[in-house]
């Protein structure tokens, strides 16, 4: 299911801070009932986590209600 908050803001870096805050608020509001996989772009991942993923790399995070996003793992893209 498409989610506009996951669209890249690479071409408009001024939208980054606001988009990241909105995405984080949305994530904190969700009740997935278990792990969820979201597919997005490097700028979005970096804005949310502070990590710069390699192309195709997965960043595994835990979303807390008030604390910063916690990076708990990485899965490299297949070679």
C-alpha atoms as a PDB file:
ATOM      1  CA  UNK A   1       0.000   0.000   0.000  1.00  0.00           C
ATOM      2  CA  UNK A   2       1.592   3.323  -1.037  1.00  0.00           C
ATOM      3  CA  UNK A   3       2.328   5.877   1.670  1.00  0.00           C
ATOM      4  CA  UNK A   4       3.273   9.399   0.558  1.00  0.00           C
ATOM      5  CA  UNK A   5       5.434   9.850   3.669  1.00  0.00           C
ATOM      6  CA  UNK A   6       7.836   7.265   2.199  1.00  0.00           C
ATOM      7  CA  UNK A   7       8.335   9.180  -1.059  1.00  0.00           C
ATOM      8  CA  UNK A   8      11.833  10.541  -1.564  1.00  0.00           C
ATOM      9  CA  UNK A   9      12.521  14.177  -0.769  1.00  0.00           C
ATOM     10  CA  UNK A  10      15.915  14.034  -2.516  1.00  0.00           C
ATOM     11  CA  UNK A  11      14.910  16.739  -5.002  1.00  0.00           C
ATOM     12  CA  UNK A  12      13.570  18.986  -2.232  1.00  0.00           C
ATOM     13  CA  UNK A  13      15.832  18.696   0.809  1.00  0.00           C
ATOM     14  CA  UNK A  14      13.916  21.533   2.494  1.00  0.00           C
ATOM     15  CA  UNK A  15      11.043  19.046   2.939  1.00  0.00           C
ATOM     16  CA  UNK A  16      13.260  16.571   4.789  1.00  0.00           C
ATOM     17  CA  UNK A  17      12.823  17.671   8.379  1.00  0.00           C
ATOM     18  CA  UNK A  18       9.046  18.045   8.123  1.00  0.00           C
ATOM     19  CA  UNK A  19       8.611  14.756   6.215  1.00  0.00           C
ATOM     20  CA  UNK A  20      10.795  12.873   8.704  1.00  0.00           C
ATOM     21  CA  UNK A  21       8.847  14.267  11.672  1.00  0.00           C
ATOM     22  CA  UNK A  22       5.543  13.339  10.020  1.00  0.00           C
ATOM     23  CA  UNK A  23       6.781   9.822   9.229  1.00  0.00           C
ATOM     24  CA  UNK A  24       7.989   9.318  12.792  1.00  0.00           C
ATOM     25  CA  UNK A  25       4.648  10.520  14.168  1.00  0.00           C
ATOM     26  CA  UNK A  26       2.831   8.142  11.810  1.00  0.00           C
ATOM     27  CA  UNK A  27       5.048   5.214  12.847  1.00  0.00           C
ATOM     28  CA  UNK A  28       4.479   5.907  16.534  1.00  0.00           C
ATOM     29  CA  UNK A  29       0.712   5.969  15.954  1.00  0.00           C
ATOM     30  CA  UNK A  30       0.636   2.591  14.153  1.00  0.00           C
ATOM     31  CA  UNK A  31      -0.105  -0.694  15.860  1.00  0.00           C
ATOM     32  CA  UNK A  32       1.298  -3.228  13.402  1.00  0.00           C
ATOM     33  CA  UNK A  33       0.935  -6.200  15.758  1.00  0.00           C
ATOM     34  CA  UNK A  34       4.406  -7.434  14.814  1.00  0.00           C
ATOM     35  CA  UNK A  35       7.300  -6.607  12.532  1.00  0.00           C
ATOM     36  CA  UNK A  36       6.535  -4.502   9.457  1.00  0.00           C
ATOM     37  CA  UNK A  37       8.579  -3.930   6.306  1.00  0.00           C
ATOM     38  CA  UNK A  38       8.538  -0.446   4.801  1.00  0.00           C
ATOM     39  CA  UNK A  39      10.345   0.307   1.541  1.00  0.00           C
ATOM     40  CA  UNK A  40      11.673   3.819   1.044  1.00  0.00           C
ATOM     41  CA  UNK A  41      14.690   5.839  -0.067  1.00  0.00           C
ATOM     42  CA  UNK A  42      18.143   6.553   1.362  1.00  0.00           C
ATOM     43  CA  UNK A  43      17.314  10.161   2.275  1.00  0.00           C
ATOM     44  CA  UNK A  44      14.240   9.053   4.218  1.00  0.00           C
ATOM     45  CA  UNK A  45      16.142   6.321   6.060  1.00  0.00           C
ATOM     46  CA  UNK A  46      19.000   8.672   6.888  1.00  0.00           C
ATOM     47  CA  UNK A  47      16.587  11.350   8.112  1.00  0.00           C
ATOM     48  CA  UNK A  48      14.825   8.870  10.368  1.00  0.00           C
ATOM     49  CA  UNK A  49      17.832   6.929  11.677  1.00  0.00           C
ATOM     50  CA  UNK A  50      20.981   8.956  11.047  1.00  0.00           C
ATOM     51  CA  UNK A  51      22.326   5.908   9.161  1.00  0.00           C
ATOM     52  CA  UNK A  52      23.353   6.002   5.489  1.00  0.00           C
ATOM     53  CA  UNK A  53      22.357   2.634   4.022  1.00  0.00           C
ATOM     54  CA  UNK A  54      24.017   1.003   1.041  1.00  0.00           C
ATOM     55  CA  UNK A  55      21.842   0.451  -2.019  1.00  0.00           C
ATOM     56  CA  UNK A  56      19.412  -2.364  -1.222  1.00  0.00           C
ATOM     57  CA  UNK A  57      20.459  -2.591   2.435  1.00  0.00           C
ATOM     58  CA  UNK A  58      17.795  -3.007   5.098  1.00  0.00           C
ATOM     59  CA  UNK A  59      17.977  -1.043   8.326  1.00  0.00           C
ATOM     60  CA  UNK A  60      16.061  -2.675  11.167  1.00  0.00           C
ATOM     61  CA  UNK A  61      14.703  -0.275  13.757  1.00  0.00           C
ATOM     62  CA  UNK A  62      12.582  -0.183  16.846  1.00  0.00           C
ATOM     63  CA  UNK A  63      10.167   2.730  17.180  1.00  0.00           C
ATOM     64  CA  UNK A  64       9.604   3.966  20.720  1.00  0.00           C
ATOM     65  CA  UNK A  65       6.752   6.234  21.763  1.00  0.00           C
ATOM     66  CA  UNK A  66       8.995   9.086  22.890  1.00  0.00           C
ATOM     67  CA  UNK A  67      12.628   8.031  22.455  1.00  0.00           C
ATOM     68  CA  UNK A  68      14.645   8.384  19.258  1.00  0.00           C
ATOM     69  CA  UNK A  69      14.449   5.633  16.654  1.00  0.00           C
ATOM     70  CA  UNK A  70      16.651   2.729  17.765  1.00  0.00           C
ATOM     71  CA  UNK A  71      18.678   0.991  15.040  1.00  0.00           C
ATOM     72  CA  UNK A  72      18.874  -2.674  16.037  1.00  0.00           C
ATOM     73  CA  UNK A  73      20.308  -4.261  12.899  1.00  0.00           C
ATOM     74  CA  UNK A  74      21.361  -4.165   9.259  1.00  0.00           C
ATOM     75  CA  UNK A  75      20.804  -6.670   6.461  1.00  0.00           C
ATOM     76  CA  UNK A  76      23.153  -6.242   3.519  1.00  0.00           C
ATOM     77  CA  UNK A  77      21.839  -6.514  -0.028  1.00  0.00           C
ATOM     78  CA  UNK A  78      22.616  -9.851  -1.679  1.00  0.00           C
ATOM     79  CA  UNK A  79      25.876  -9.816  -3.622  1.00  0.00           C
END
